[in-house]
Amino acid sequence: MEQNSKNPSPWTKTPLADEARAAAFPHFKMGLLDWRNADIRLVGDIVRQQPETVIDVQSAFEGPDTDSRLGPDGIHPSIEGHYSIARQAVARLAGGAS
């Protein structure tokens, strides 16, 4: 796929995880997979340094009311989480806050 140099694709920071839910999810346990928000935040810090537009969705997955934004595995966004990501992407691409 050819990249348009005048309008490069934006970066999206990875949403934070529910570490306890991810650790208890059977498929992740079977695969010995470990998800740590410290690692996700570190990747987000690297993404934030890119010169292109960055859509910061991590903030939508922080705080006490985020349970409904993550699916049963604690990693992947639920429908509500995808709506939140889409709202932030539209706002950012329309010239909103970074």
Protein backbone atom coordinates (compact mmCIF):
# COMPACT_ATOMS: atom_id res chain seq x y z
CA MET A 1 0.00 0.00 0.00
CA GLU A 2 1.44 3.36 -1.01
CA GLN A 3 1.82 5.91 1.74
CA ASN A 4 0.70 9.49 1.08
CA SER A 5 3.63 11.57 2.33
CA LYS A 6 1.48 14.71 2.66
CA ASN A 7 -1.01 12.99 4.96
CA PRO A 8 0.71 10.09 6.74
CA SER A 9 -1.37 7.68 8.74
CA PRO A 10 -1.82 8.61 12.40
CA TRP A 11 -0.42 6.60 15.27
CA THR A 12 -2.78 5.20 17.89
CA LYS A 13 -1.60 4.51 21.41
CA THR A 14 -2.66 1.09 22.67
CA PRO A 15 -5.48 1.07 25.24
CA LEU A 16 -4.57 0.05 28.77
CA ALA A 17 -5.49 -3.44 30.00
CA ASP A 18 -7.28 -4.84 33.00
CA GLU A 19 -4.26 -6.79 34.23
CA ALA A 20 -6.20 -8.99 36.67
CA ARG A 21 -8.83 -9.95 34.08
CA ALA A 22 -6.14 -10.64 31.46
CA ALA A 23 -4.15 -12.81 33.91
CA ALA A 24 -7.28 -14.86 34.64
CA PHE A 25 -8.35 -15.27 31.01
CA PRO A 26 -7.95 -18.98 30.11
CA HIS A 27 -6.44 -18.50 26.65
CA PHE A 28 -3.81 -16.09 27.93
CA LYS A 29 -3.01 -18.40 30.84
CA MET A 30 -2.64 -21.36 28.47
CA GLY A 31 -0.31 -19.33 26.23
CA LEU A 32 1.63 -17.98 29.22
CA LEU A 33 0.86 -14.43 28.04
CA ASP A 34 1.37 -11.53 30.40
CA TRP A 35 -0.02 -8.01 29.94
CA ARG A 36 1.38 -5.12 31.97
CA ASN A 37 0.16 -1.55 31.79
CA ALA A 38 3.69 -0.35 32.56
CA ASP A 39 4.80 -1.90 29.24
CA ILE A 40 1.78 -0.50 27.38
CA ARG A 41 2.51 2.98 28.75
CA LEU A 42 6.17 2.68 27.69
CA VAL A 43 5.12 1.86 24.12
CA GLY A 44 2.70 4.80 24.29
CA ASP A 45 5.57 7.10 25.31
CA ILE A 46 7.52 5.97 22.23
CA VAL A 47 4.50 6.49 19.97
CA ARG A 48 3.94 9.97 21.42
CA GLN A 49 7.43 10.97 20.20
CA GLN A 50 6.54 10.31 16.54
CA PRO A 51 6.23 13.36 14.28
CA GLU A 52 2.91 12.24 12.82
CA THR A 53 -0.51 12.71 14.42
CA VAL A 54 -0.97 10.60 17.56
CA ILE A 55 -4.41 9.52 18.77
CA ASP A 56 -4.12 8.94 22.51
CA VAL A 57 -6.77 6.41 23.47
CA GLN A 58 -5.04 5.33 26.68
CA SER A 59 -6.77 8.07 28.64
CA ALA A 60 -10.18 6.58 27.78
CA PHE A 61 -9.09 3.32 29.41
CA GLU A 62 -7.85 4.81 32.69
CA GLY A 63 -9.91 5.35 35.81
CA PRO A 64 -12.55 3.51 37.79
CA ASP A 65 -15.29 3.48 35.12
CA THR A 66 -13.37 1.66 32.39
CA ASP A 67 -14.59 -1.92 33.01
CA SER A 68 -17.29 -1.61 30.37
CA ARG A 69 -14.78 -0.42 27.77
CA LEU A 70 -12.84 -3.71 27.81
CA GLY A 71 -14.03 -7.12 26.65
CA PRO A 72 -14.02 -10.28 28.77
CA ASP A 73 -10.30 -10.89 28.21
CA GLY A 74 -9.35 -7.53 29.75
CA ILE A 75 -7.25 -6.62 26.70
CA HIS A 76 -9.48 -6.03 23.70
CA PRO A 77 -11.96 -3.15 23.66
CA SER A 78 -15.66 -3.90 23.97
CA ILE A 79 -18.19 -2.24 21.66
CA GLU A 80 -18.30 0.70 24.09
CA GLY A 81 -14.50 0.80 24.04
CA HIS A 82 -14.47 0.91 20.24
CA TYR A 83 -16.99 3.77 20.33
CA SER A 84 -14.71 5.63 22.72
CA ILE A 85 -11.70 5.07 20.44
CA ALA A 86 -13.69 6.24 17.41
CA ARG A 87 -14.85 9.40 19.21
CA GLN A 88 -11.27 10.26 20.17
CA ALA A 89 -10.00 9.54 16.65
CA VAL A 90 -12.63 11.75 15.04
CA ALA A 91 -12.00 14.56 17.53
CA ARG A 92 -8.22 14.39 17.05
CA LEU A 93 -8.34 14.16 13.26
CA ALA A 94 -10.83 17.03 13.13
CA GLY A 95 -8.28 19.23 14.88
CA GLY A 96 -9.05 18.50 18.51
CA ALA A 97 -6.64 18.06 21.40
CA SER A 98 -3.64 15.81 21.06
